[in-house]
N, C-alpha and C. Protein backbone atom coordinates (compact mmCIF):
# COMPACT_ATOMS: atom_id res chain seq x y z
N MET A 1 -10.16 -6.87 7.06
CA MET A 1 -11.44 -7.56 7.10
C MET A 1 -12.20 -7.28 5.81
N ASP A 2 -13.10 -8.19 5.47
CA ASP A 2 -13.94 -7.92 4.32
C ASP A 2 -15.15 -7.10 4.76
N GLU A 3 -16.04 -6.83 3.81
CA GLU A 3 -17.20 -5.98 4.13
C GLU A 3 -18.15 -6.62 5.13
N ASN A 4 -18.00 -7.94 5.38
CA ASN A 4 -18.83 -8.63 6.36
C ASN A 4 -18.11 -8.83 7.69
N GLY A 5 -16.92 -8.25 7.83
CA GLY A 5 -16.17 -8.38 9.07
C GLY A 5 -15.37 -9.66 9.18
N GLU A 6 -15.25 -10.38 8.07
CA GLU A 6 -14.47 -11.62 8.06
C GLU A 6 -13.01 -11.30 7.73
N PRO A 7 -12.07 -12.03 8.34
CA PRO A 7 -10.66 -11.77 8.05
C PRO A 7 -10.30 -12.13 6.62
N ILE A 8 -9.27 -11.46 6.11
CA ILE A 8 -8.75 -11.74 4.77
C ILE A 8 -7.28 -12.15 4.93
N PRO A 9 -7.02 -13.43 5.19
CA PRO A 9 -5.63 -13.88 5.32
C PRO A 9 -4.86 -13.56 4.04
N GLY A 10 -3.63 -13.10 4.20
CA GLY A 10 -2.78 -12.80 3.06
C GLY A 10 -2.98 -11.40 2.47
N ALA A 11 -3.98 -10.66 2.96
CA ALA A 11 -4.15 -9.28 2.50
C ALA A 11 -2.89 -8.50 2.83
N ILE A 12 -2.57 -7.53 2.02
CA ILE A 12 -1.38 -6.71 2.26
C ILE A 12 -1.79 -5.45 3.01
N PHE A 13 -1.12 -5.21 4.13
CA PHE A 13 -1.29 -3.97 4.90
C PHE A 13 -0.04 -3.14 4.65
N TYR A 14 -0.24 -1.85 4.40
CA TYR A 14 0.86 -0.95 4.10
C TYR A 14 0.68 0.32 4.92
N ALA A 15 1.76 0.83 5.49
CA ALA A 15 1.72 2.08 6.25
C ALA A 15 2.92 2.93 5.86
N GLU A 16 2.69 4.23 5.71
CA GLU A 16 3.82 5.13 5.49
C GLU A 16 3.68 6.33 6.40
N ALA A 17 4.81 6.75 6.94
CA ALA A 17 4.88 7.94 7.78
C ALA A 17 5.38 9.08 6.91
N TYR A 18 4.75 10.23 7.06
CA TYR A 18 5.12 11.38 6.24
C TYR A 18 4.87 12.67 7.03
N THR A 19 5.49 13.74 6.56
CA THR A 19 5.17 15.07 7.07
C THR A 19 4.81 15.91 5.85
N HIS A 20 4.05 16.96 6.08
CA HIS A 20 3.65 17.81 4.96
C HIS A 20 4.83 18.58 4.38
N ASP A 21 5.82 18.88 5.21
CA ASP A 21 6.97 19.64 4.69
C ASP A 21 8.07 18.74 4.13
N ALA A 22 8.35 17.61 4.75
CA ALA A 22 9.46 16.76 4.33
C ALA A 22 9.04 15.61 3.42
N GLY A 23 7.76 15.30 3.36
CA GLY A 23 7.29 14.17 2.55
C GLY A 23 7.46 12.86 3.29
N ILE A 24 7.70 11.81 2.51
CA ILE A 24 7.79 10.46 3.07
C ILE A 24 8.98 10.31 4.01
N LEU A 25 8.74 9.70 5.17
CA LEU A 25 9.80 9.41 6.12
C LEU A 25 10.20 7.94 6.05
N ASP A 26 9.19 7.07 6.05
CA ASP A 26 9.46 5.64 6.12
C ASP A 26 8.18 4.89 5.78
N PHE A 27 8.31 3.57 5.61
CA PHE A 27 7.14 2.73 5.35
C PHE A 27 7.34 1.37 6.00
N ALA A 28 6.26 0.64 6.14
CA ALA A 28 6.28 -0.74 6.62
C ALA A 28 5.11 -1.45 5.97
N PHE A 29 5.21 -2.76 5.88
CA PHE A 29 4.10 -3.54 5.33
C PHE A 29 4.16 -4.95 5.89
N ALA A 30 3.05 -5.66 5.76
CA ALA A 30 2.99 -7.05 6.18
C ALA A 30 1.79 -7.71 5.51
N GLU A 31 1.88 -9.02 5.37
CA GLU A 31 0.72 -9.79 4.93
C GLU A 31 -0.07 -10.16 6.17
N ALA A 32 -1.39 -10.07 6.07
CA ALA A 32 -2.26 -10.41 7.20
C ALA A 32 -2.18 -11.89 7.50
N GLY A 33 -2.27 -12.21 8.78
CA GLY A 33 -2.27 -13.59 9.22
C GLY A 33 -3.62 -14.26 9.02
N SER A 34 -3.76 -15.46 9.51
CA SER A 34 -4.96 -16.26 9.28
C SER A 34 -6.23 -15.64 9.87
N SER A 35 -6.07 -14.79 10.86
CA SER A 35 -7.23 -14.11 11.45
C SER A 35 -7.32 -12.66 11.00
N GLY A 36 -6.56 -12.30 9.97
CA GLY A 36 -6.56 -10.93 9.47
C GLY A 36 -5.67 -10.00 10.26
N GLU A 37 -4.95 -10.53 11.25
CA GLU A 37 -4.11 -9.69 12.10
C GLU A 37 -2.83 -9.28 11.39
N VAL A 38 -2.40 -8.06 11.69
CA VAL A 38 -1.16 -7.51 11.13
C VAL A 38 -0.38 -6.89 12.26
N PRO A 39 0.86 -7.26 12.42
CA PRO A 39 1.55 -8.33 11.70
C PRO A 39 1.01 -9.68 12.13
N PRO A 40 1.28 -10.72 11.33
CA PRO A 40 0.78 -12.06 11.68
C PRO A 40 1.32 -12.52 13.03
N ALA A 41 0.55 -13.35 13.70
CA ALA A 41 0.98 -13.91 14.99
C ALA A 41 2.36 -14.54 14.84
N GLY A 42 3.22 -14.28 15.81
CA GLY A 42 4.55 -14.86 15.82
C GLY A 42 5.61 -14.03 15.12
N SER A 43 5.21 -12.94 14.49
CA SER A 43 6.21 -12.09 13.85
C SER A 43 6.37 -10.82 14.68
N GLY A 44 7.43 -10.11 14.44
CA GLY A 44 7.70 -8.90 15.20
C GLY A 44 6.78 -7.76 14.80
N PRO A 45 6.80 -6.69 15.57
CA PRO A 45 5.94 -5.54 15.26
C PRO A 45 6.40 -4.81 14.01
N LEU A 46 5.47 -4.11 13.38
CA LEU A 46 5.83 -3.23 12.27
C LEU A 46 6.37 -1.94 12.85
N ARG A 47 7.43 -1.44 12.25
CA ARG A 47 8.03 -0.20 12.73
C ARG A 47 8.23 0.75 11.57
N VAL A 48 7.95 2.03 11.83
CA VAL A 48 8.24 3.09 10.86
C VAL A 48 8.97 4.20 11.58
N ALA A 49 9.94 4.80 10.89
CA ALA A 49 10.65 5.95 11.46
C ALA A 49 9.64 7.06 11.67
N TRP A 50 9.82 7.82 12.73
CA TRP A 50 8.84 8.82 13.12
C TRP A 50 9.53 10.08 13.56
N ARG A 51 8.82 11.18 13.49
CA ARG A 51 9.31 12.42 14.07
C ARG A 51 8.10 13.29 14.40
N PRO A 52 8.29 14.28 15.26
CA PRO A 52 7.15 15.13 15.63
C PRO A 52 6.49 15.73 14.39
N GLY A 53 5.17 15.75 14.40
CA GLY A 53 4.40 16.29 13.29
C GLY A 53 4.12 15.30 12.19
N ALA A 54 4.66 14.08 12.31
CA ALA A 54 4.42 13.06 11.27
C ALA A 54 2.98 12.56 11.33
N ARG A 55 2.55 12.05 10.22
CA ARG A 55 1.21 11.47 10.07
C ARG A 55 1.36 10.10 9.40
N LEU A 56 0.29 9.33 9.45
CA LEU A 56 0.28 8.01 8.83
C LEU A 56 -0.68 7.98 7.65
N ALA A 57 -0.30 7.26 6.64
CA ALA A 57 -1.19 6.86 5.57
C ALA A 57 -1.22 5.33 5.64
N LEU A 58 -2.40 4.76 5.65
CA LEU A 58 -2.57 3.32 5.78
C LEU A 58 -3.34 2.79 4.58
N ALA A 59 -2.99 1.61 4.13
CA ALA A 59 -3.68 1.02 2.99
C ALA A 59 -3.76 -0.48 3.17
N ALA A 60 -4.77 -1.07 2.54
CA ALA A 60 -4.94 -2.52 2.54
C ALA A 60 -5.35 -2.95 1.14
N PHE A 61 -4.78 -4.07 0.70
CA PHE A 61 -5.03 -4.59 -0.64
C PHE A 61 -5.23 -6.10 -0.56
N ALA A 62 -6.16 -6.61 -1.35
CA ALA A 62 -6.35 -8.06 -1.47
C ALA A 62 -6.99 -8.35 -2.82
N PRO A 63 -6.66 -9.50 -3.42
CA PRO A 63 -7.26 -9.85 -4.70
C PRO A 63 -8.78 -9.89 -4.60
N GLY A 64 -9.44 -9.35 -5.61
CA GLY A 64 -10.90 -9.36 -5.65
C GLY A 64 -11.56 -8.32 -4.77
N LYS A 65 -10.75 -7.46 -4.15
CA LYS A 65 -11.28 -6.42 -3.25
C LYS A 65 -10.85 -5.05 -3.75
N ARG A 66 -11.67 -4.05 -3.48
CA ARG A 66 -11.31 -2.67 -3.80
C ARG A 66 -10.33 -2.19 -2.74
N PRO A 67 -9.22 -1.56 -3.14
CA PRO A 67 -8.24 -1.09 -2.14
C PRO A 67 -8.86 -0.09 -1.17
N THR A 68 -8.32 -0.08 0.01
CA THR A 68 -8.72 0.89 1.03
C THR A 68 -7.50 1.71 1.40
N VAL A 69 -7.65 3.03 1.42
CA VAL A 69 -6.57 3.93 1.82
C VAL A 69 -7.16 4.92 2.82
N VAL A 70 -6.45 5.08 3.93
CA VAL A 70 -6.88 6.00 4.98
C VAL A 70 -5.70 6.91 5.32
N TYR A 71 -5.96 8.20 5.33
CA TYR A 71 -4.94 9.17 5.74
C TYR A 71 -5.31 9.65 7.13
N ASP A 72 -4.43 9.40 8.09
CA ASP A 72 -4.66 9.78 9.47
C ASP A 72 -4.10 11.19 9.70
N GLN A 73 -4.78 12.17 9.17
CA GLN A 73 -4.32 13.57 9.21
C GLN A 73 -4.17 14.11 10.63
N PHE A 74 -4.94 13.58 11.56
CA PHE A 74 -4.95 14.15 12.91
C PHE A 74 -4.33 13.24 13.96
N GLY A 75 -3.68 12.16 13.53
CA GLY A 75 -3.00 11.28 14.47
C GLY A 75 -3.94 10.57 15.41
N ARG A 76 -5.03 10.05 14.88
CA ARG A 76 -6.04 9.43 15.74
C ARG A 76 -6.07 7.91 15.67
N VAL A 77 -5.11 7.28 15.02
CA VAL A 77 -5.07 5.83 15.01
C VAL A 77 -4.62 5.37 16.39
N ASP A 78 -5.42 4.53 17.03
CA ASP A 78 -5.06 4.02 18.35
C ASP A 78 -3.79 3.18 18.26
N ALA A 79 -3.02 3.20 19.33
CA ALA A 79 -1.77 2.45 19.36
C ALA A 79 -2.01 0.95 19.17
N ASP A 80 -3.20 0.47 19.56
CA ASP A 80 -3.45 -0.96 19.40
C ASP A 80 -4.05 -1.31 18.05
N GLY A 81 -4.16 -0.33 17.15
CA GLY A 81 -4.52 -0.66 15.78
C GLY A 81 -5.77 -0.04 15.23
N ILE A 82 -6.09 -0.50 14.04
CA ILE A 82 -7.22 -0.01 13.28
C ILE A 82 -7.73 -1.19 12.44
N VAL A 83 -9.01 -1.20 12.15
CA VAL A 83 -9.58 -2.21 11.27
C VAL A 83 -9.83 -1.55 9.93
N LEU A 84 -9.24 -2.12 8.88
CA LEU A 84 -9.48 -1.64 7.53
C LEU A 84 -10.38 -2.65 6.83
N SER A 85 -11.44 -2.15 6.24
CA SER A 85 -12.42 -2.97 5.57
C SER A 85 -12.23 -2.90 4.06
N LEU A 86 -12.22 -4.04 3.41
CA LEU A 86 -12.07 -4.11 1.96
C LEU A 86 -13.37 -4.61 1.34
N GLU A 87 -13.91 -3.83 0.42
CA GLU A 87 -15.16 -4.15 -0.25
C GLU A 87 -14.90 -5.07 -1.45
N ALA A 88 -15.75 -6.08 -1.60
CA ALA A 88 -15.62 -6.99 -2.74
C ALA A 88 -15.87 -6.24 -4.04
N LEU A 89 -15.08 -6.59 -5.04
CA LEU A 89 -15.30 -6.02 -6.37
C LEU A 89 -16.49 -6.74 -6.99
N SER A 90 -17.40 -5.97 -7.49
CA SER A 90 -18.57 -6.54 -8.15
C SER A 90 -19.00 -5.57 -9.25
N GLU A 91 -20.00 -5.94 -9.98
CA GLU A 91 -20.50 -5.09 -11.05
C GLU A 91 -20.81 -3.70 -10.50
N GLY A 92 -20.27 -2.70 -11.14
CA GLY A 92 -20.54 -1.32 -10.74
C GLY A 92 -19.59 -0.77 -9.69
N VAL A 93 -18.71 -1.60 -9.11
CA VAL A 93 -17.75 -1.12 -8.12
C VAL A 93 -16.47 -0.74 -8.86
N MET A 94 -16.08 0.52 -8.71
CA MET A 94 -14.83 0.98 -9.35
C MET A 94 -13.64 0.22 -8.77
N ARG A 95 -12.78 -0.30 -9.65
CA ARG A 95 -11.59 -1.00 -9.19
C ARG A 95 -10.50 -0.05 -8.74
N TRP A 96 -10.46 1.15 -9.33
CA TRP A 96 -9.40 2.10 -9.03
C TRP A 96 -9.77 2.96 -7.85
N GLU A 97 -8.84 3.15 -6.95
CA GLU A 97 -8.98 4.04 -5.80
C GLU A 97 -7.92 5.11 -5.95
N SER A 98 -8.31 6.33 -6.30
CA SER A 98 -7.35 7.39 -6.61
C SER A 98 -6.48 7.77 -5.41
N ARG A 99 -6.92 7.48 -4.19
CA ARG A 99 -6.09 7.80 -3.03
C ARG A 99 -4.82 6.96 -2.98
N VAL A 100 -4.80 5.83 -3.71
CA VAL A 100 -3.58 5.02 -3.79
C VAL A 100 -2.46 5.84 -4.40
N ALA A 101 -2.77 6.63 -5.42
CA ALA A 101 -1.75 7.43 -6.10
C ALA A 101 -1.24 8.58 -5.24
N LYS A 102 -1.94 8.91 -4.17
CA LYS A 102 -1.48 9.96 -3.27
C LYS A 102 -0.44 9.42 -2.27
N LEU A 103 -0.34 8.10 -2.17
CA LEU A 103 0.71 7.51 -1.35
C LEU A 103 2.06 7.81 -2.00
N ALA A 104 3.10 7.84 -1.21
CA ALA A 104 4.43 8.10 -1.75
C ALA A 104 4.97 6.91 -2.56
N PHE A 105 4.53 5.72 -2.26
CA PHE A 105 4.95 4.52 -2.97
C PHE A 105 4.73 4.71 -4.46
N PRO A 106 5.69 4.45 -5.33
CA PRO A 106 6.95 3.74 -5.20
C PRO A 106 8.18 4.62 -4.99
N PHE A 107 7.99 5.78 -4.44
CA PHE A 107 9.08 6.62 -3.94
C PHE A 107 10.02 7.19 -5.00
N ALA A 108 9.50 7.72 -6.07
CA ALA A 108 10.34 8.37 -7.08
C ALA A 108 11.16 9.45 -6.39
N GLY A 109 12.44 9.47 -6.63
CA GLY A 109 13.32 10.47 -6.03
C GLY A 109 13.88 10.09 -4.67
N ARG A 110 13.52 8.91 -4.15
CA ARG A 110 14.05 8.44 -2.87
C ARG A 110 14.72 7.09 -3.09
N ALA A 111 15.97 7.13 -3.53
CA ALA A 111 16.70 5.91 -3.88
C ALA A 111 16.76 4.92 -2.72
N ASP A 112 16.87 5.41 -1.48
CA ASP A 112 16.95 4.52 -0.32
C ASP A 112 15.68 3.70 -0.16
N LEU A 113 14.52 4.34 -0.31
CA LEU A 113 13.26 3.62 -0.17
C LEU A 113 12.97 2.75 -1.39
N THR A 114 13.33 3.24 -2.57
CA THR A 114 13.14 2.45 -3.79
C THR A 114 13.98 1.18 -3.72
N GLU A 115 15.18 1.28 -3.17
CA GLU A 115 16.03 0.10 -3.02
C GLU A 115 15.36 -0.91 -2.09
N ARG A 116 14.74 -0.45 -1.02
CA ARG A 116 14.07 -1.36 -0.08
C ARG A 116 12.92 -2.10 -0.75
N ILE A 117 12.15 -1.41 -1.59
CA ILE A 117 11.03 -2.11 -2.23
C ILE A 117 11.48 -2.98 -3.40
N SER A 118 12.73 -2.85 -3.80
CA SER A 118 13.28 -3.68 -4.87
C SER A 118 13.78 -5.03 -4.36
N ARG A 119 13.87 -5.17 -3.07
CA ARG A 119 14.39 -6.41 -2.47
C ARG A 119 13.39 -7.56 -2.63
N PRO A 120 13.89 -8.79 -2.62
CA PRO A 120 13.00 -9.95 -2.73
C PRO A 120 11.91 -10.01 -1.66
N ASP A 121 12.23 -9.57 -0.43
CA ASP A 121 11.22 -9.64 0.63
C ASP A 121 10.07 -8.65 0.44
N ALA A 122 10.18 -7.75 -0.52
CA ALA A 122 9.10 -6.80 -0.82
C ALA A 122 8.32 -7.18 -2.07
N ALA A 123 8.57 -8.37 -2.61
CA ALA A 123 7.90 -8.80 -3.84
C ALA A 123 6.38 -8.81 -3.68
N ALA A 124 5.86 -9.28 -2.55
CA ALA A 124 4.41 -9.31 -2.35
C ALA A 124 3.82 -7.90 -2.34
N LEU A 125 4.55 -6.96 -1.77
CA LEU A 125 4.10 -5.56 -1.75
C LEU A 125 4.06 -4.99 -3.17
N ARG A 126 5.12 -5.23 -3.95
CA ARG A 126 5.14 -4.75 -5.34
C ARG A 126 4.00 -5.36 -6.14
N ARG A 127 3.79 -6.66 -5.98
CA ARG A 127 2.70 -7.33 -6.71
C ARG A 127 1.35 -6.75 -6.32
N ALA A 128 1.17 -6.46 -5.04
CA ALA A 128 -0.11 -5.89 -4.58
C ALA A 128 -0.34 -4.53 -5.22
N PHE A 129 0.68 -3.68 -5.23
CA PHE A 129 0.53 -2.36 -5.85
C PHE A 129 0.31 -2.49 -7.36
N LEU A 130 1.01 -3.40 -8.02
CA LEU A 130 0.80 -3.59 -9.46
C LEU A 130 -0.63 -4.02 -9.75
N ALA A 131 -1.18 -4.91 -8.93
CA ALA A 131 -2.57 -5.34 -9.11
C ALA A 131 -3.53 -4.17 -8.91
N VAL A 132 -3.26 -3.34 -7.92
CA VAL A 132 -4.11 -2.19 -7.65
C VAL A 132 -4.05 -1.19 -8.81
N TYR A 133 -2.87 -1.05 -9.41
CA TYR A 133 -2.68 -0.11 -10.51
C TYR A 133 -3.14 -0.68 -11.87
N GLU A 134 -3.64 -1.89 -11.91
CA GLU A 134 -4.08 -2.48 -13.18
C GLU A 134 -5.08 -1.59 -13.93
N PRO A 135 -6.08 -1.00 -13.27
CA PRO A 135 -7.00 -0.11 -14.01
C PRO A 135 -6.29 1.10 -14.63
N VAL A 136 -5.20 1.53 -14.02
CA VAL A 136 -4.40 2.63 -14.59
C VAL A 136 -3.63 2.10 -15.80
N ALA A 137 -3.02 0.92 -15.63
CA ALA A 137 -2.22 0.32 -16.71
C ALA A 137 -3.05 0.09 -17.96
N THR A 138 -4.29 -0.34 -17.78
CA THR A 138 -5.17 -0.62 -18.93
C THR A 138 -5.94 0.61 -19.37
N LYS A 139 -5.74 1.70 -18.65
CA LYS A 139 -6.42 2.98 -18.90
C LYS A 139 -7.94 2.89 -18.70
N GLU A 140 -8.38 1.84 -18.02
CA GLU A 140 -9.78 1.70 -17.63
C GLU A 140 -10.18 2.86 -16.71
N ALA A 141 -9.23 3.31 -15.91
CA ALA A 141 -9.50 4.33 -14.91
C ALA A 141 -9.33 5.75 -15.44
N ARG A 142 -8.94 5.91 -16.71
CA ARG A 142 -8.63 7.24 -17.25
C ARG A 142 -7.68 7.97 -16.31
N PRO A 143 -6.46 7.48 -16.22
CA PRO A 143 -5.52 8.03 -15.23
C PRO A 143 -5.12 9.47 -15.51
N THR A 144 -4.86 10.17 -14.42
CA THR A 144 -4.28 11.50 -14.54
C THR A 144 -2.81 11.32 -14.90
N PRO A 145 -2.15 12.36 -15.38
CA PRO A 145 -0.71 12.23 -15.66
C PRO A 145 0.09 11.77 -14.43
N ALA A 146 -0.25 12.26 -13.25
CA ALA A 146 0.47 11.86 -12.03
C ALA A 146 0.25 10.37 -11.74
N GLU A 147 -0.97 9.88 -11.92
CA GLU A 147 -1.25 8.45 -11.69
C GLU A 147 -0.48 7.59 -12.70
N TRP A 148 -0.48 8.03 -13.95
CA TRP A 148 0.24 7.29 -14.98
C TRP A 148 1.74 7.28 -14.68
N ASP A 149 2.29 8.41 -14.25
CA ASP A 149 3.71 8.48 -13.91
C ASP A 149 4.05 7.52 -12.77
N LYS A 150 3.21 7.47 -11.74
CA LYS A 150 3.46 6.56 -10.62
C LYS A 150 3.44 5.11 -11.10
N TYR A 151 2.49 4.80 -11.96
CA TYR A 151 2.43 3.43 -12.50
C TYR A 151 3.71 3.11 -13.26
N GLN A 152 4.20 4.05 -14.06
CA GLN A 152 5.42 3.82 -14.83
C GLN A 152 6.62 3.59 -13.91
N VAL A 153 6.72 4.35 -12.83
CA VAL A 153 7.82 4.16 -11.87
C VAL A 153 7.69 2.79 -11.22
N LEU A 154 6.48 2.42 -10.81
CA LEU A 154 6.25 1.13 -10.19
C LEU A 154 6.63 -0.01 -11.14
N LYS A 155 6.23 0.10 -12.38
CA LYS A 155 6.57 -0.92 -13.38
C LYS A 155 8.09 -1.01 -13.55
N SER A 156 8.76 0.12 -13.58
CA SER A 156 10.22 0.15 -13.71
C SER A 156 10.90 -0.52 -12.51
N VAL A 157 10.40 -0.21 -11.31
CA VAL A 157 10.95 -0.83 -10.09
C VAL A 157 10.77 -2.34 -10.16
N GLU A 158 9.58 -2.79 -10.56
CA GLU A 158 9.32 -4.24 -10.64
C GLU A 158 10.23 -4.88 -11.68
N GLU A 159 10.42 -4.26 -12.82
CA GLU A 159 11.28 -4.82 -13.85
C GLU A 159 12.74 -4.89 -13.39
N SER A 160 13.19 -3.88 -12.67
CA SER A 160 14.58 -3.90 -12.20
C SER A 160 14.77 -4.88 -11.04
N ALA A 161 13.70 -5.20 -10.33
CA ALA A 161 13.78 -6.14 -9.21
C ALA A 161 13.69 -7.59 -9.69
N ALA A 162 13.20 -7.79 -10.93
CA ALA A 162 13.05 -9.14 -11.45
C ALA A 162 14.41 -9.80 -11.57
N PRO A 163 14.48 -11.09 -11.27
CA PRO A 163 15.77 -11.79 -11.39
C PRO A 163 16.24 -11.79 -12.84
N ALA A 164 17.55 -11.70 -13.02
CA ALA A 164 18.13 -11.72 -14.37
C ALA A 164 17.88 -13.09 -15.00
N LYS A 165 17.60 -13.08 -16.30
CA LYS A 165 17.34 -14.35 -16.99
C LYS A 165 18.54 -14.81 -17.75
């Protein structure tokens, strides 16, 4: 939803399951439907691999909006969902959200997950993350070395996923 509670069709919703000791377990994503619902009406449920002690990190991205990232440290997301609000970008609103870089995406060191995000069906997810990382790419955000490294991995994944010319 936007800051006024209106749906944002086509917004990207992203979720990753992780543990503090093992790191990333799995991820899922979907584009929001016409009413902002995720997954869109008529599609199957989002699924992530889970194990005891796992937690969720949730994010939402849309053009012209500041990314939202929520870490559910205590496992309090209701089974029927959560509403993530995206604030419009305007004068004085920082475009970069440093919590994005705390997500495991793009999974450096996890070839299995990197392969999944390299597939054609993950192109919208890659594009959404690249758009979110634009302030890092242009150094508008004064990135930390870790943020810059994540951007470089993401750029590399996108380049390797691009169709051969």
